[in-house]
Each structure stands twice: as C-alpha cells, then as structure tokens.
N, C-alpha and C. Protein backbone atom coordinates (compact mmCIF):
# COMPACT_ATOMS: atom_id res chain seq x y z
N MET A 1 -9.38 -247.84 34.66
CA MET A 1 -8.41 -246.91 34.09
C MET A 1 -8.80 -246.60 32.64
N THR A 2 -8.71 -245.32 32.26
CA THR A 2 -9.08 -244.94 30.90
C THR A 2 -7.95 -245.22 29.93
N LYS A 3 -8.34 -245.52 28.71
CA LYS A 3 -7.38 -245.81 27.66
C LYS A 3 -6.76 -244.50 27.17
N PRO A 4 -5.43 -244.45 27.03
CA PRO A 4 -4.81 -243.19 26.57
C PRO A 4 -5.17 -242.90 25.11
N LYS A 5 -5.21 -241.62 24.79
CA LYS A 5 -5.51 -241.22 23.41
C LYS A 5 -4.34 -241.59 22.51
N ARG A 6 -4.67 -241.94 21.27
CA ARG A 6 -3.64 -242.26 20.29
C ARG A 6 -3.28 -241.00 19.50
N ILE A 7 -2.11 -241.02 18.89
CA ILE A 7 -1.68 -239.95 18.01
C ILE A 7 -1.96 -240.42 16.58
N PRO A 8 -2.72 -239.64 15.80
CA PRO A 8 -3.16 -240.09 14.49
C PRO A 8 -2.12 -239.91 13.38
N TYR A 9 -1.05 -240.69 13.42
CA TYR A 9 -0.04 -240.61 12.37
C TYR A 9 -0.63 -241.01 11.03
N GLY A 10 -0.50 -240.14 10.04
CA GLY A 10 -0.95 -240.44 8.68
C GLY A 10 -2.45 -240.40 8.47
N ILE A 11 -3.20 -239.93 9.45
CA ILE A 11 -4.65 -239.86 9.32
C ILE A 11 -5.05 -238.40 9.13
N ALA A 12 -5.70 -238.10 8.03
CA ALA A 12 -6.12 -236.73 7.74
C ALA A 12 -7.62 -236.54 7.91
N ASP A 13 -8.32 -237.58 8.27
CA ASP A 13 -9.78 -237.54 8.41
C ASP A 13 -10.14 -237.08 9.83
N TYR A 14 -10.53 -235.80 9.95
CA TYR A 14 -10.83 -235.23 11.26
C TYR A 14 -11.97 -235.98 11.96
N ARG A 15 -12.98 -236.37 11.19
CA ARG A 15 -14.11 -237.09 11.78
C ARG A 15 -13.64 -238.39 12.43
N ARG A 16 -12.77 -239.11 11.73
CA ARG A 16 -12.25 -240.37 12.28
C ARG A 16 -11.44 -240.11 13.55
N MET A 17 -10.65 -239.03 13.56
CA MET A 17 -9.87 -238.71 14.76
C MET A 17 -10.78 -238.48 15.95
N ARG A 18 -11.87 -237.77 15.72
CA ARG A 18 -12.81 -237.50 16.82
C ARG A 18 -13.55 -238.76 17.25
N GLN A 19 -13.99 -239.56 16.28
CA GLN A 19 -14.72 -240.78 16.61
C GLN A 19 -13.84 -241.77 17.37
N ASP A 20 -12.56 -241.85 17.00
CA ASP A 20 -11.65 -242.79 17.64
C ASP A 20 -10.93 -242.19 18.84
N ASP A 21 -11.34 -240.98 19.25
CA ASP A 21 -10.81 -240.29 20.43
C ASP A 21 -9.29 -240.15 20.36
N MET A 22 -8.81 -239.60 19.23
CA MET A 22 -7.38 -239.37 19.05
C MET A 22 -7.06 -237.92 19.32
N TYR A 23 -5.79 -237.64 19.57
CA TYR A 23 -5.34 -236.27 19.72
C TYR A 23 -5.44 -235.55 18.39
N TYR A 24 -5.69 -234.25 18.43
CA TYR A 24 -5.65 -233.42 17.23
C TYR A 24 -4.90 -232.14 17.59
N VAL A 25 -3.87 -231.82 16.80
CA VAL A 25 -3.11 -230.60 17.00
C VAL A 25 -3.12 -229.84 15.69
N ASP A 26 -3.63 -228.63 15.72
CA ASP A 26 -3.68 -227.80 14.53
C ASP A 26 -2.30 -227.19 14.30
N LYS A 27 -1.67 -227.54 13.20
CA LYS A 27 -0.32 -227.07 12.89
C LYS A 27 -0.32 -226.03 11.79
N ALA A 28 -1.47 -225.44 11.50
CA ALA A 28 -1.58 -224.47 10.41
C ALA A 28 -0.66 -223.27 10.61
N ALA A 29 -0.39 -222.89 11.84
CA ALA A 29 0.47 -221.74 12.10
C ALA A 29 1.91 -221.98 11.64
N PHE A 30 2.30 -223.24 11.46
CA PHE A 30 3.66 -223.56 11.03
C PHE A 30 3.84 -223.54 9.52
N ILE A 31 2.77 -223.46 8.76
CA ILE A 31 2.87 -223.51 7.30
C ILE A 31 3.75 -222.40 6.73
N PRO A 32 3.62 -221.15 7.14
CA PRO A 32 4.52 -220.11 6.60
C PRO A 32 5.99 -220.40 6.90
N LEU A 33 6.30 -220.92 8.06
CA LEU A 33 7.68 -221.26 8.40
C LEU A 33 8.21 -222.38 7.52
N ILE A 34 7.40 -223.40 7.32
CA ILE A 34 7.79 -224.52 6.47
C ILE A 34 8.04 -224.03 5.04
N GLU A 35 7.16 -223.16 4.54
CA GLU A 35 7.34 -222.63 3.19
C GLU A 35 8.61 -221.80 3.09
N LEU A 36 8.91 -221.01 4.10
CA LEU A 36 10.12 -220.18 4.11
C LEU A 36 11.37 -221.06 4.09
N VAL A 37 11.41 -222.07 4.92
CA VAL A 37 12.56 -222.97 4.96
C VAL A 37 12.71 -223.67 3.62
N TYR A 38 11.61 -224.10 3.03
CA TYR A 38 11.65 -224.77 1.73
C TYR A 38 12.22 -223.83 0.67
N GLN A 39 11.75 -222.61 0.65
CA GLN A 39 12.22 -221.64 -0.35
C GLN A 39 13.71 -221.37 -0.19
N GLU A 40 14.20 -221.31 1.05
CA GLU A 40 15.62 -221.09 1.29
C GLU A 40 16.45 -222.28 0.81
N GLU A 41 15.94 -223.48 1.00
CA GLU A 41 16.67 -224.67 0.58
C GLU A 41 16.66 -224.85 -0.93
N VAL A 42 15.52 -224.58 -1.56
CA VAL A 42 15.38 -224.79 -2.99
C VAL A 42 15.90 -223.57 -3.78
N GLY A 43 15.80 -222.42 -3.17
CA GLY A 43 16.27 -221.22 -3.82
C GLY A 43 15.28 -220.61 -4.80
N THR A 44 13.99 -220.76 -4.51
CA THR A 44 12.99 -220.17 -5.40
C THR A 44 12.48 -218.86 -4.85
C-alpha cells in the first residue's frame, strides 16, 4: 500500500514539497479576494 501524501502546513519551499511527495495547491488566484476583504475590514 502506498503512503498517502502529506499536506505541507507552514512549508514554503516548493523543492522540499516535491522531494517529500507532498500536495501542492496554487492559491495565487485567491490573493485579490484576500486583499479586497482585508481592505474592507481595515478601511483603507
């Protein structure tokens, strides 16, 4: 049975994620939404 992939909490090193066979999810598309919500909360 194969070992399940781990989720790389707190790891920003892409090379390490690949070497350790971890999941990688690109969340760059969410950055504008996060910035918008932040601006609404802070009022800037």
